[in-house]
Amino acid sequence: MTVPAGPRPPAKERARFTSRAAVLAVVICAIAMSLAYPVREYIGQRRQIDQLEAQRQAIEVQLHNLDAQHRKLDDRTYVEQQARDQLHMCLPSQTCYVVIPPRHLAGPAAPAHGPGTPWYERLWHSVRAADQVPAK
């Protein structure tokens, strides 16, 4: 028996989503899920390492500054100069003078009820002034 040479029946379409593809998708998702936590931990630890490195560098700079200050304070002449400048001290063999700048003399005295006086004092002064009889 021979098959007629007429039109062929359409071939069965293959399913796009096979069981193999489903298993492969599940395996890929499982691998991605198992790698997500370690990757997140790695990124967090790298961030922490970077922060600690920056903190170490800041402490190192502070250590160098304190070391330089320590070397300065070991120098006797520097300590004497600081005592003279900041504490106004002098050696027993020296005579020290302190120059006081002159005061600026103000003009006439400010009135008792100026803008700097509290409101109740200004009120009291106005009451007292109202009781006085004007001079003729």
N, C-alpha and C. Protein backbone atom coordinates (compact mmCIF):
# COMPACT_ATOMS: atom_id res chain seq x y z
N MET A 1 0.79 -1.16 0.00
CA MET A 1 0.00 0.00 0.00
C MET A 1 0.85 1.25 0.00
N THR A 2 0.51 2.09 -0.80
CA THR A 2 1.25 3.34 -0.89
C THR A 2 0.36 4.45 -0.37
N VAL A 3 1.02 5.40 0.11
CA VAL A 3 0.32 6.55 0.70
C VAL A 3 0.02 7.51 -0.45
N PRO A 4 -1.20 8.03 -0.47
CA PRO A 4 -1.50 8.95 -1.55
C PRO A 4 -0.60 10.18 -1.49
N ALA A 5 -0.26 10.73 -2.61
CA ALA A 5 0.65 11.85 -2.71
C ALA A 5 -0.07 13.17 -2.52
N GLY A 6 -1.21 13.19 -2.00
CA GLY A 6 -2.00 14.40 -1.81
C GLY A 6 -1.46 15.24 -0.65
N PRO A 7 -2.22 16.18 -0.30
CA PRO A 7 -1.76 17.06 0.78
C PRO A 7 -1.56 16.28 2.08
N ARG A 8 -0.50 16.63 2.73
CA ARG A 8 -0.17 15.97 4.00
C ARG A 8 -0.96 16.62 5.13
N PRO A 9 -1.30 15.83 6.10
CA PRO A 9 -1.94 16.44 7.25
C PRO A 9 -0.90 17.27 8.01
N PRO A 10 -1.31 18.38 8.62
CA PRO A 10 -0.32 19.22 9.32
C PRO A 10 0.36 18.44 10.43
N ALA A 11 1.66 18.69 10.55
CA ALA A 11 2.44 17.99 11.58
C ALA A 11 2.03 18.50 12.95
N LYS A 12 2.11 17.65 13.90
CA LYS A 12 1.74 18.00 15.25
C LYS A 12 2.72 19.06 15.76
N GLU A 13 2.18 20.17 16.28
CA GLU A 13 3.08 21.21 16.79
C GLU A 13 3.69 20.75 18.09
N ARG A 14 4.97 21.03 18.22
CA ARG A 14 5.65 20.65 19.47
C ARG A 14 5.29 21.66 20.53
N ALA A 15 5.14 21.21 21.74
CA ALA A 15 4.83 22.11 22.86
C ALA A 15 6.07 22.94 23.13
N ARG A 16 5.88 24.20 23.37
CA ARG A 16 7.01 25.10 23.61
C ARG A 16 7.60 24.88 24.99
N PHE A 17 6.81 24.48 25.94
CA PHE A 17 7.28 24.32 27.31
C PHE A 17 7.21 22.85 27.66
N THR A 18 8.35 22.20 27.54
CA THR A 18 8.40 20.76 27.79
C THR A 18 8.75 20.50 29.24
N SER A 19 8.69 19.29 29.63
CA SER A 19 9.04 18.93 31.00
C SER A 19 10.53 19.13 31.24
N ARG A 20 11.35 18.95 30.22
CA ARG A 20 12.79 19.20 30.37
C ARG A 20 13.05 20.68 30.64
N ALA A 21 12.35 21.53 29.93
CA ALA A 21 12.52 22.97 30.13
C ALA A 21 12.06 23.36 31.54
N ALA A 22 11.00 22.75 32.03
CA ALA A 22 10.52 23.05 33.38
C ALA A 22 11.54 22.64 34.41
N VAL A 23 12.13 21.46 34.26
CA VAL A 23 13.16 20.99 35.19
C VAL A 23 14.37 21.90 35.12
N LEU A 24 14.76 22.30 33.92
CA LEU A 24 15.90 23.20 33.77
C LEU A 24 15.63 24.54 34.45
N ALA A 25 14.43 25.09 34.31
CA ALA A 25 14.07 26.37 34.95
C ALA A 25 14.10 26.24 36.47
N VAL A 26 13.61 25.12 37.00
CA VAL A 26 13.64 24.89 38.45
C VAL A 26 15.07 24.80 38.94
N VAL A 27 15.93 24.12 38.22
CA VAL A 27 17.34 23.98 38.62
C VAL A 27 18.03 25.34 38.59
N ILE A 28 17.78 26.14 37.56
CA ILE A 28 18.40 27.47 37.47
C ILE A 28 17.92 28.36 38.61
N CYS A 29 16.62 28.31 38.91
CA CYS A 29 16.10 29.10 40.04
C CYS A 29 16.71 28.65 41.36
N ALA A 30 16.87 27.34 41.54
CA ALA A 30 17.46 26.83 42.79
C ALA A 30 18.91 27.30 42.93
N ILE A 31 19.65 27.28 41.83
CA ILE A 31 21.05 27.75 41.87
C ILE A 31 21.09 29.24 42.18
N ALA A 32 20.22 30.02 41.55
CA ALA A 32 20.19 31.46 41.81
C ALA A 32 19.82 31.75 43.26
N MET A 33 18.85 31.01 43.78
CA MET A 33 18.44 31.22 45.18
C MET A 33 19.55 30.82 46.15
N SER A 34 20.28 29.76 45.83
CA SER A 34 21.34 29.32 46.73
C SER A 34 22.54 30.26 46.68
N LEU A 35 22.71 31.02 45.58
CA LEU A 35 23.83 31.96 45.48
C LEU A 35 23.47 33.36 45.99
N ALA A 36 22.20 33.68 46.13
CA ALA A 36 21.79 35.04 46.50
C ALA A 36 22.29 35.41 47.90
N TYR A 37 22.13 34.56 48.88
CA TYR A 37 22.54 34.89 50.25
C TYR A 37 24.05 35.06 50.37
N PRO A 38 24.87 34.13 49.85
CA PRO A 38 26.32 34.34 49.95
C PRO A 38 26.80 35.60 49.23
N VAL A 39 26.20 35.93 48.09
CA VAL A 39 26.60 37.14 47.37
C VAL A 39 26.25 38.37 48.18
N ARG A 40 25.06 38.36 48.80
CA ARG A 40 24.66 39.50 49.63
C ARG A 40 25.59 39.65 50.84
N GLU A 41 25.95 38.53 51.46
CA GLU A 41 26.89 38.57 52.58
C GLU A 41 28.26 39.08 52.15
N TYR A 42 28.71 38.64 50.97
CA TYR A 42 30.01 39.09 50.45
C TYR A 42 30.01 40.60 50.24
N ILE A 43 28.94 41.12 49.65
CA ILE A 43 28.86 42.57 49.40
C ILE A 43 28.82 43.32 50.73
N GLY A 44 28.08 42.82 51.70
CA GLY A 44 28.03 43.47 53.02
C GLY A 44 29.39 43.46 53.71
N GLN A 45 30.10 42.35 53.60
CA GLN A 45 31.42 42.26 54.22
C GLN A 45 32.43 43.17 53.51
N ARG A 46 32.33 43.30 52.21
CA ARG A 46 33.23 44.21 51.49
C ARG A 46 32.98 45.65 51.91
N ARG A 47 31.70 46.00 52.08
CA ARG A 47 31.36 47.35 52.54
C ARG A 47 31.93 47.60 53.93
N GLN A 48 31.80 46.60 54.81
CA GLN A 48 32.33 46.74 56.17
C GLN A 48 33.86 46.85 56.15
N ILE A 49 34.50 46.08 55.30
CA ILE A 49 35.96 46.16 55.18
C ILE A 49 36.39 47.54 54.70
N ASP A 50 35.67 48.10 53.74
CA ASP A 50 35.99 49.45 53.25
C ASP A 50 35.82 50.49 54.34
N GLN A 51 34.76 50.37 55.14
CA GLN A 51 34.54 51.32 56.24
C GLN A 51 35.65 51.21 57.28
N LEU A 52 36.03 49.99 57.61
CA LEU A 52 37.10 49.80 58.59
C LEU A 52 38.44 50.31 58.06
N GLU A 53 38.67 50.16 56.78
CA GLU A 53 39.91 50.67 56.19
C GLU A 53 39.96 52.20 56.25
N ALA A 54 38.82 52.84 55.96
CA ALA A 54 38.77 54.30 56.06
C ALA A 54 38.96 54.75 57.51
N GLN A 55 38.38 54.01 58.44
CA GLN A 55 38.54 54.35 59.86
C GLN A 55 39.99 54.17 60.28
N ARG A 56 40.64 53.12 59.78
CA ARG A 56 42.05 52.88 60.12
C ARG A 56 42.93 54.02 59.59
N GLN A 57 42.64 54.49 58.38
CA GLN A 57 43.42 55.58 57.82
C GLN A 57 43.22 56.87 58.62
N ALA A 58 41.98 57.13 59.06
CA ALA A 58 41.73 58.33 59.87
C ALA A 58 42.46 58.25 61.20
N ILE A 59 42.47 57.07 61.80
CA ILE A 59 43.18 56.90 63.07
C ILE A 59 44.68 57.04 62.87
N GLU A 60 45.17 56.58 61.72
CA GLU A 60 46.60 56.71 61.44
C GLU A 60 47.00 58.17 61.29
N VAL A 61 46.17 58.97 60.63
CA VAL A 61 46.44 60.41 60.50
C VAL A 61 46.42 61.06 61.88
N GLN A 62 45.44 60.70 62.69
CA GLN A 62 45.35 61.25 64.05
C GLN A 62 46.58 60.85 64.87
N LEU A 63 47.05 59.62 64.69
CA LEU A 63 48.24 59.16 65.41
C LEU A 63 49.46 59.98 65.00
N HIS A 64 49.60 60.26 63.70
CA HIS A 64 50.75 61.07 63.24
C HIS A 64 50.67 62.49 63.83
N ASN A 65 49.46 63.07 63.88
CA ASN A 65 49.31 64.41 64.46
C ASN A 65 49.67 64.41 65.93
N LEU A 66 49.20 63.41 66.66
CA LEU A 66 49.51 63.34 68.09
C LEU A 66 51.00 63.08 68.32
N ASP A 67 51.61 62.31 67.45
CA ASP A 67 53.04 62.05 67.57
C ASP A 67 53.84 63.34 67.33
N ALA A 68 53.42 64.13 66.35
CA ALA A 68 54.09 65.41 66.09
C ALA A 68 53.91 66.36 67.27
N GLN A 69 52.71 66.38 67.85
CA GLN A 69 52.47 67.23 69.01
C GLN A 69 53.31 66.75 70.21
N HIS A 70 53.45 65.45 70.35
CA HIS A 70 54.28 64.91 71.44
C HIS A 70 55.74 65.33 71.26
N ARG A 71 56.23 65.29 70.02
CA ARG A 71 57.62 65.72 69.77
C ARG A 71 57.79 67.21 70.10
N LYS A 72 56.76 68.02 69.76
CA LYS A 72 56.84 69.45 70.09
C LYS A 72 56.89 69.66 71.59
N LEU A 73 56.06 68.92 72.32
CA LEU A 73 56.00 69.12 73.77
C LEU A 73 57.24 68.57 74.49
N ASP A 74 58.02 67.75 73.83
CA ASP A 74 59.29 67.30 74.41
C ASP A 74 60.36 68.38 74.31
N ASP A 75 60.17 69.36 73.45
CA ASP A 75 61.13 70.43 73.26
C ASP A 75 60.92 71.49 74.35
N ARG A 76 61.95 71.75 75.14
CA ARG A 76 61.84 72.68 76.27
C ARG A 76 61.55 74.11 75.82
N THR A 77 62.18 74.52 74.72
CA THR A 77 61.96 75.90 74.27
C THR A 77 60.52 76.12 73.80
N TYR A 78 59.93 75.10 73.19
CA TYR A 78 58.53 75.23 72.76
C TYR A 78 57.61 75.36 73.97
N VAL A 79 57.87 74.57 75.00
CA VAL A 79 57.03 74.62 76.21
C VAL A 79 57.17 75.99 76.89
N GLU A 80 58.39 76.51 76.95
CA GLU A 80 58.59 77.84 77.55
C GLU A 80 57.87 78.92 76.74
N GLN A 81 57.94 78.83 75.43
CA GLN A 81 57.27 79.81 74.57
C GLN A 81 55.76 79.75 74.76
N GLN A 82 55.20 78.56 74.85
CA GLN A 82 53.76 78.42 75.07
C GLN A 82 53.36 78.97 76.45
N ALA A 83 54.21 78.74 77.45
CA ALA A 83 53.92 79.26 78.79
C ALA A 83 53.92 80.79 78.77
N ARG A 84 54.85 81.39 78.02
CA ARG A 84 54.88 82.85 77.93
C ARG A 84 53.67 83.39 77.17
N ASP A 85 53.35 82.77 76.05
CA ASP A 85 52.29 83.29 75.19
C ASP A 85 50.90 83.07 75.76
N GLN A 86 50.63 81.88 76.23
CA GLN A 86 49.27 81.56 76.63
C GLN A 86 48.99 81.78 78.11
N LEU A 87 50.00 81.57 78.95
CA LEU A 87 49.78 81.68 80.40
C LEU A 87 50.39 82.95 80.99
N HIS A 88 51.05 83.75 80.17
CA HIS A 88 51.69 85.00 80.60
C HIS A 88 52.67 84.75 81.75
N MET A 89 53.44 83.69 81.63
CA MET A 89 54.45 83.36 82.64
C MET A 89 55.80 83.87 82.16
N CYS A 90 56.71 84.06 83.11
CA CYS A 90 58.07 84.42 82.75
C CYS A 90 59.03 83.76 83.72
N LEU A 91 60.26 83.66 83.32
CA LEU A 91 61.27 83.04 84.16
C LEU A 91 61.59 83.96 85.33
N PRO A 92 62.07 83.40 86.44
CA PRO A 92 62.38 84.24 87.60
C PRO A 92 63.44 85.31 87.31
N SER A 93 64.31 85.07 86.37
CA SER A 93 65.35 86.05 86.07
C SER A 93 64.87 87.17 85.15
N GLN A 94 63.64 87.08 84.65
CA GLN A 94 63.12 88.06 83.71
C GLN A 94 62.13 88.99 84.39
N THR A 95 61.97 90.17 83.80
CA THR A 95 60.93 91.10 84.25
C THR A 95 59.91 91.17 83.11
N CYS A 96 58.70 90.84 83.43
CA CYS A 96 57.66 90.79 82.39
C CYS A 96 56.71 91.96 82.55
N TYR A 97 56.23 92.45 81.44
CA TYR A 97 55.27 93.55 81.43
C TYR A 97 54.05 93.12 80.61
N VAL A 98 52.91 93.57 81.05
CA VAL A 98 51.68 93.33 80.31
C VAL A 98 51.15 94.68 79.88
N VAL A 99 50.97 94.86 78.60
CA VAL A 99 50.47 96.12 78.08
C VAL A 99 48.95 96.03 77.99
N ILE A 100 48.29 96.92 78.70
CA ILE A 100 46.84 96.95 78.69
C ILE A 100 46.40 98.03 77.72
N PRO A 101 45.56 97.70 76.77
CA PRO A 101 45.13 98.71 75.80
C PRO A 101 44.27 99.76 76.48
N PRO A 102 44.37 101.03 76.04
CA PRO A 102 43.57 102.08 76.69
C PRO A 102 42.09 101.89 76.41
N ARG A 103 41.28 102.31 77.38
CA ARG A 103 39.83 102.24 77.20
C ARG A 103 39.39 103.40 76.34
N HIS A 104 38.42 103.17 75.55
CA HIS A 104 37.84 104.25 74.77
C HIS A 104 36.84 104.97 75.65
N LEU A 105 37.05 106.24 75.83
CA LEU A 105 36.14 107.00 76.67
C LEU A 105 34.85 107.26 75.91
N ALA A 106 33.76 106.90 76.53
CA ALA A 106 32.47 107.10 75.89
C ALA A 106 32.04 108.54 76.09
N GLY A 107 31.11 108.99 75.28
CA GLY A 107 30.57 110.34 75.39
C GLY A 107 29.72 110.45 76.66
N PRO A 108 28.67 111.24 76.61
CA PRO A 108 27.81 111.38 77.78
C PRO A 108 27.19 110.03 78.14
N ALA A 109 26.86 109.91 79.42
CA ALA A 109 26.29 108.65 79.91
C ALA A 109 24.99 108.36 79.19
N ALA A 110 24.76 107.10 78.95
CA ALA A 110 23.54 106.69 78.25
C ALA A 110 22.35 106.90 79.18
N PRO A 111 21.20 107.27 78.64
CA PRO A 111 20.02 107.46 79.48
C PRO A 111 19.62 106.15 80.15
N ALA A 112 18.98 106.27 81.31
CA ALA A 112 18.62 105.10 82.10
C ALA A 112 17.55 104.27 81.40
N HIS A 113 16.82 104.88 80.51
CA HIS A 113 15.75 104.14 79.85
C HIS A 113 16.09 103.89 78.37
N GLY A 114 17.31 103.47 78.12
CA GLY A 114 17.76 103.18 76.75
C GLY A 114 17.18 101.86 76.26
N PRO A 115 17.53 101.49 75.05
CA PRO A 115 16.95 100.29 74.46
C PRO A 115 17.42 99.00 75.14
N GLY A 116 18.53 99.05 75.88
CA GLY A 116 19.02 97.85 76.54
C GLY A 116 18.37 97.59 77.88
N THR A 117 17.63 98.55 78.40
CA THR A 117 17.00 98.38 79.72
C THR A 117 15.72 97.56 79.57
N PRO A 118 15.40 96.78 80.58
CA PRO A 118 14.18 95.99 80.51
C PRO A 118 12.93 96.89 80.50
N TRP A 119 11.83 96.34 80.02
CA TRP A 119 10.60 97.12 79.84
C TRP A 119 10.05 97.62 81.17
N TYR A 120 10.21 96.84 82.23
CA TYR A 120 9.63 97.25 83.51
C TYR A 120 10.40 98.44 84.10
N GLU A 121 11.72 98.50 83.85
CA GLU A 121 12.48 99.65 84.35
C GLU A 121 12.09 100.91 83.57
N ARG A 122 11.91 100.78 82.25
CA ARG A 122 11.48 101.94 81.47
C ARG A 122 10.11 102.42 81.91
N LEU A 123 9.21 101.47 82.23
CA LEU A 123 7.88 101.84 82.70
C LEU A 123 7.98 102.59 84.03
N TRP A 124 8.80 102.09 84.95
CA TRP A 124 8.96 102.74 86.26
C TRP A 124 9.53 104.14 86.12
N HIS A 125 10.53 104.29 85.24
CA HIS A 125 11.12 105.62 85.02
C HIS A 125 10.08 106.58 84.43
N SER A 126 9.23 106.12 83.54
CA SER A 126 8.21 107.01 82.97
C SER A 126 7.18 107.40 84.02
N VAL A 127 6.86 106.48 84.93
CA VAL A 127 5.91 106.82 86.02
C VAL A 127 6.52 107.87 86.93
N ARG A 128 7.80 107.71 87.29
CA ARG A 128 8.47 108.67 88.16
C ARG A 128 8.59 110.03 87.48
N ALA A 129 8.88 110.02 86.17
CA ALA A 129 9.00 111.28 85.44
C ALA A 129 7.66 111.99 85.34
N ALA A 130 6.58 111.24 85.27
CA ALA A 130 5.25 111.85 85.19
C ALA A 130 4.86 112.52 86.51
N ASP A 131 5.38 112.05 87.64
CA ASP A 131 5.07 112.62 88.95
C ASP A 131 5.83 113.93 89.19
N GLN A 132 6.94 114.11 88.50
CA GLN A 132 7.73 115.31 88.75
C GLN A 132 7.06 116.53 88.11
N VAL A 133 7.15 117.62 88.81
CA VAL A 133 6.62 118.89 88.31
C VAL A 133 7.66 119.51 87.41
N PRO A 134 7.28 119.92 86.20
CA PRO A 134 8.27 120.52 85.32
C PRO A 134 8.77 121.86 85.89
N ALA A 135 10.03 122.13 85.73
CA ALA A 135 10.65 123.37 86.22
C ALA A 135 10.27 124.52 85.29
N LYS A 136 9.87 125.72 85.93
CA LYS A 136 9.48 126.86 85.13
C LYS A 136 10.52 127.90 85.12
